[in-house]
Structures are given as C-alpha cells and as structure tokens.
Amino acid sequence: MKIKMTSTMKGASNSMGTYTMDYLEGESYDMDAGWQEDIAKVFIDNNAAQEVGGGKKKKVVSPVETKTAADK
C-alpha cells in the first residue's frame, strides 16, 4: 500500500513501535509490511493520508475445472 500524507503526523517507524518519526504532509510512503499497513489505515481513517497507486497487486487465480470418474 502506498499513501500520501495530507497532514503531518507522528507514528511508529519500526515493527515494535519503539521508535517514532514524523510522516510529513505532501510526502508519499510505501507501507508494505503488516505493521505499516496498520499505521496507514489509522492515518487514512483520521483523514491524515490518502491511499495512492503503486500498491501490491493481487494475483488472480483462474478457476480450474475438475473432472470426476463419471466424466471419463
């Protein structure tokens, strides 16, 4: 997930939350790890960020036809 900040906010900068950083207004951040996605959702919910393109693409799996013994 990629976000663009609409206002400056302080948030965790590592998975344990022991360090923080300022996420600056107008800057874009790649939030790919699970803990980063959680922070991004909080920012978005508080109108401090918007999700922008460049996120992960989900793999599309085509349905597979199955055959039974009666089909033979």
N, C-alpha and C. Protein backbone atom coordinates (compact mmCIF):
# COMPACT_ATOMS: atom_id res chain seq x y z
N MET A 1 0.85 -1.16 0.00
CA MET A 1 0.00 0.00 0.00
C MET A 1 0.90 1.23 0.00
N LYS A 2 0.51 2.22 -0.76
CA LYS A 2 1.26 3.47 -0.79
C LYS A 2 0.31 4.58 -0.36
N ILE A 3 0.79 5.46 0.52
CA ILE A 3 -0.04 6.56 0.98
C ILE A 3 0.65 7.89 0.73
N LYS A 4 -0.16 8.93 0.63
CA LYS A 4 0.35 10.30 0.56
C LYS A 4 -0.26 11.05 1.73
N MET A 5 0.59 11.65 2.53
CA MET A 5 0.13 12.34 3.73
C MET A 5 -0.54 13.67 3.37
N THR A 6 -1.68 13.93 4.00
CA THR A 6 -2.38 15.20 3.81
C THR A 6 -2.14 16.14 4.98
N SER A 7 -1.57 15.62 6.05
CA SER A 7 -1.11 16.44 7.17
C SER A 7 0.02 15.69 7.87
N THR A 8 0.84 16.41 8.59
CA THR A 8 1.98 15.80 9.27
C THR A 8 1.48 15.09 10.53
N MET A 9 1.93 13.84 10.69
CA MET A 9 1.57 13.04 11.85
C MET A 9 2.80 12.29 12.35
N LYS A 10 2.81 12.01 13.64
CA LYS A 10 3.88 11.20 14.23
C LYS A 10 3.38 9.77 14.30
N GLY A 11 4.26 8.82 13.98
CA GLY A 11 3.89 7.42 14.03
C GLY A 11 5.10 6.53 14.19
N ALA A 12 4.86 5.26 14.42
CA ALA A 12 5.93 4.29 14.62
C ALA A 12 6.79 4.17 13.36
N SER A 13 8.07 3.91 13.57
CA SER A 13 8.98 3.73 12.44
C SER A 13 9.63 2.35 12.44
N ASN A 14 9.19 1.49 13.37
CA ASN A 14 9.63 0.09 13.35
C ASN A 14 8.50 -0.80 13.83
N SER A 15 8.65 -2.09 13.61
CA SER A 15 7.56 -3.03 13.90
C SER A 15 7.21 -3.12 15.38
N MET A 16 8.13 -2.81 16.26
CA MET A 16 7.87 -2.91 17.69
C MET A 16 7.30 -1.61 18.26
N GLY A 17 7.34 -0.53 17.49
CA GLY A 17 6.82 0.75 17.96
C GLY A 17 7.74 1.46 18.93
N THR A 18 9.00 1.03 18.99
CA THR A 18 9.93 1.64 19.94
C THR A 18 10.55 2.93 19.41
N TYR A 19 10.43 3.18 18.11
CA TYR A 19 10.92 4.41 17.51
C TYR A 19 9.78 5.07 16.75
N THR A 20 9.77 6.39 16.76
CA THR A 20 8.75 7.13 16.01
C THR A 20 9.41 8.07 15.02
N MET A 21 8.61 8.54 14.09
CA MET A 21 9.09 9.52 13.12
C MET A 21 7.92 10.40 12.72
N ASP A 22 8.23 11.53 12.11
CA ASP A 22 7.20 12.39 11.57
C ASP A 22 6.93 11.97 10.14
N TYR A 23 5.68 11.65 9.83
CA TYR A 23 5.24 11.39 8.46
C TYR A 23 4.77 12.74 7.94
N LEU A 24 5.50 13.31 6.99
CA LEU A 24 5.34 14.70 6.59
C LEU A 24 4.26 14.92 5.54
N GLU A 25 3.51 16.00 5.70
CA GLU A 25 2.47 16.40 4.76
C GLU A 25 3.06 16.52 3.36
N GLY A 26 2.37 15.94 2.38
CA GLY A 26 2.80 16.01 0.99
C GLY A 26 3.74 14.90 0.57
N GLU A 27 4.29 14.16 1.52
CA GLU A 27 5.21 13.07 1.20
C GLU A 27 4.45 11.77 0.99
N SER A 28 5.01 10.90 0.15
CA SER A 28 4.44 9.57 -0.10
C SER A 28 5.29 8.52 0.60
N TYR A 29 4.63 7.50 1.12
CA TYR A 29 5.32 6.43 1.83
C TYR A 29 4.80 5.08 1.37
N ASP A 30 5.72 4.13 1.17
CA ASP A 30 5.35 2.75 0.87
C ASP A 30 5.13 2.04 2.20
N MET A 31 3.94 1.53 2.38
CA MET A 31 3.58 0.88 3.64
C MET A 31 3.28 -0.59 3.33
N ASP A 32 4.32 -1.37 3.11
CA ASP A 32 4.16 -2.75 2.63
C ASP A 32 4.09 -3.80 3.73
N ALA A 33 4.77 -3.58 4.84
CA ALA A 33 4.75 -4.57 5.93
C ALA A 33 3.42 -4.47 6.67
N GLY A 34 3.03 -5.54 7.33
CA GLY A 34 1.76 -5.58 8.05
C GLY A 34 1.61 -4.45 9.06
N TRP A 35 2.65 -4.19 9.85
CA TRP A 35 2.57 -3.12 10.84
C TRP A 35 2.46 -1.75 10.18
N GLN A 36 3.08 -1.58 9.00
CA GLN A 36 2.98 -0.31 8.29
C GLN A 36 1.57 -0.12 7.72
N GLU A 37 0.96 -1.20 7.24
CA GLU A 37 -0.41 -1.10 6.74
C GLU A 37 -1.37 -0.70 7.85
N ASP A 38 -1.13 -1.20 9.06
CA ASP A 38 -1.97 -0.81 10.20
C ASP A 38 -1.86 0.68 10.48
N ILE A 39 -0.64 1.21 10.44
CA ILE A 39 -0.43 2.64 10.66
C ILE A 39 -1.10 3.44 9.55
N ALA A 40 -0.93 2.98 8.31
CA ALA A 40 -1.52 3.68 7.17
C ALA A 40 -3.04 3.75 7.31
N LYS A 41 -3.67 2.67 7.75
CA LYS A 41 -5.13 2.67 7.93
C LYS A 41 -5.56 3.67 8.98
N VAL A 42 -4.79 3.80 10.05
CA VAL A 42 -5.09 4.79 11.09
C VAL A 42 -4.99 6.20 10.50
N PHE A 43 -3.93 6.47 9.74
CA PHE A 43 -3.78 7.77 9.11
C PHE A 43 -4.95 8.07 8.18
N ILE A 44 -5.32 7.08 7.37
CA ILE A 44 -6.43 7.26 6.42
C ILE A 44 -7.74 7.49 7.16
N ASP A 45 -8.00 6.71 8.21
CA ASP A 45 -9.22 6.86 8.99
C ASP A 45 -9.32 8.23 9.66
N ASN A 46 -8.18 8.83 9.96
CA ASN A 46 -8.14 10.15 10.61
C ASN A 46 -7.95 11.29 9.60
N ASN A 47 -8.15 10.98 8.32
CA ASN A 47 -8.03 11.98 7.24
C ASN A 47 -6.67 12.67 7.21
N ALA A 48 -5.63 11.95 7.62
CA ALA A 48 -4.28 12.49 7.59
C ALA A 48 -3.51 11.97 6.39
N ALA A 49 -4.10 11.01 5.64
CA ALA A 49 -3.43 10.42 4.48
C ALA A 49 -4.47 9.89 3.51
N GLN A 50 -4.02 9.72 2.26
CA GLN A 50 -4.84 9.12 1.22
C GLN A 50 -4.06 7.97 0.62
N GLU A 51 -4.77 6.89 0.29
CA GLU A 51 -4.11 5.79 -0.41
C GLU A 51 -3.94 6.20 -1.86
N VAL A 52 -2.75 5.96 -2.40
CA VAL A 52 -2.46 6.28 -3.80
C VAL A 52 -1.99 5.03 -4.51
N GLY A 53 -1.88 5.08 -5.83
CA GLY A 53 -1.47 3.93 -6.63
C GLY A 53 -0.10 3.42 -6.24
N GLY A 54 0.24 2.30 -6.83
CA GLY A 54 1.55 1.71 -6.56
C GLY A 54 1.53 0.67 -5.47
N GLY A 55 0.33 0.25 -5.08
CA GLY A 55 0.22 -0.77 -4.04
C GLY A 55 0.52 -2.15 -4.60
N LYS A 56 0.42 -3.13 -3.74
CA LYS A 56 0.65 -4.51 -4.17
C LYS A 56 -0.47 -4.94 -5.10
N LYS A 57 -0.12 -5.72 -6.09
CA LYS A 57 -1.13 -6.27 -6.98
C LYS A 57 -1.46 -7.67 -6.51
N LYS A 58 -2.75 -7.95 -6.46
CA LYS A 58 -3.17 -9.28 -6.03
C LYS A 58 -3.16 -10.22 -7.21
N LYS A 59 -2.72 -11.43 -6.96
CA LYS A 59 -2.67 -12.45 -8.00
C LYS A 59 -4.08 -12.98 -8.25
N VAL A 60 -4.46 -13.01 -9.51
CA VAL A 60 -5.78 -13.52 -9.88
C VAL A 60 -5.61 -14.99 -10.26
N VAL A 61 -6.39 -15.83 -9.63
CA VAL A 61 -6.31 -17.27 -9.89
C VAL A 61 -7.53 -17.66 -10.71
N SER A 62 -7.28 -18.28 -11.85
CA SER A 62 -8.37 -18.74 -12.71
C SER A 62 -9.00 -20.00 -12.12
N PRO A 63 -10.32 -20.12 -12.25
CA PRO A 63 -10.94 -21.35 -11.74
C PRO A 63 -10.47 -22.57 -12.54
N VAL A 64 -10.33 -23.67 -11.88
CA VAL A 64 -9.86 -24.90 -12.51
C VAL A 64 -11.03 -25.87 -12.60
N GLU A 65 -11.22 -26.46 -13.80
CA GLU A 65 -12.28 -27.43 -13.99
C GLU A 65 -11.85 -28.74 -13.37
N THR A 66 -12.73 -29.32 -12.60
CA THR A 66 -12.42 -30.62 -12.02
C THR A 66 -13.21 -31.69 -12.75
N LYS A 67 -12.62 -32.83 -12.85
CA LYS A 67 -13.28 -33.96 -13.53
C LYS A 67 -13.51 -35.07 -12.53
N THR A 68 -14.63 -35.72 -12.69
CA THR A 68 -14.93 -36.85 -11.83
C THR A 68 -14.83 -38.12 -12.67
N ALA A 69 -14.90 -39.23 -12.03
CA ALA A 69 -14.81 -40.52 -12.73
C ALA A 69 -15.94 -40.66 -13.75
N ALA A 70 -17.08 -40.07 -13.48
CA ALA A 70 -18.23 -40.18 -14.41
C ALA A 70 -17.98 -39.38 -15.70
N ASP A 71 -17.06 -38.40 -15.68
CA ASP A 71 -16.76 -37.59 -16.86
C ASP A 71 -15.92 -38.34 -17.88
N LYS A 72 -15.28 -39.42 -17.49
CA LYS A 72 -14.35 -40.13 -18.39
C LYS A 72 -15.03 -40.89 -19.42
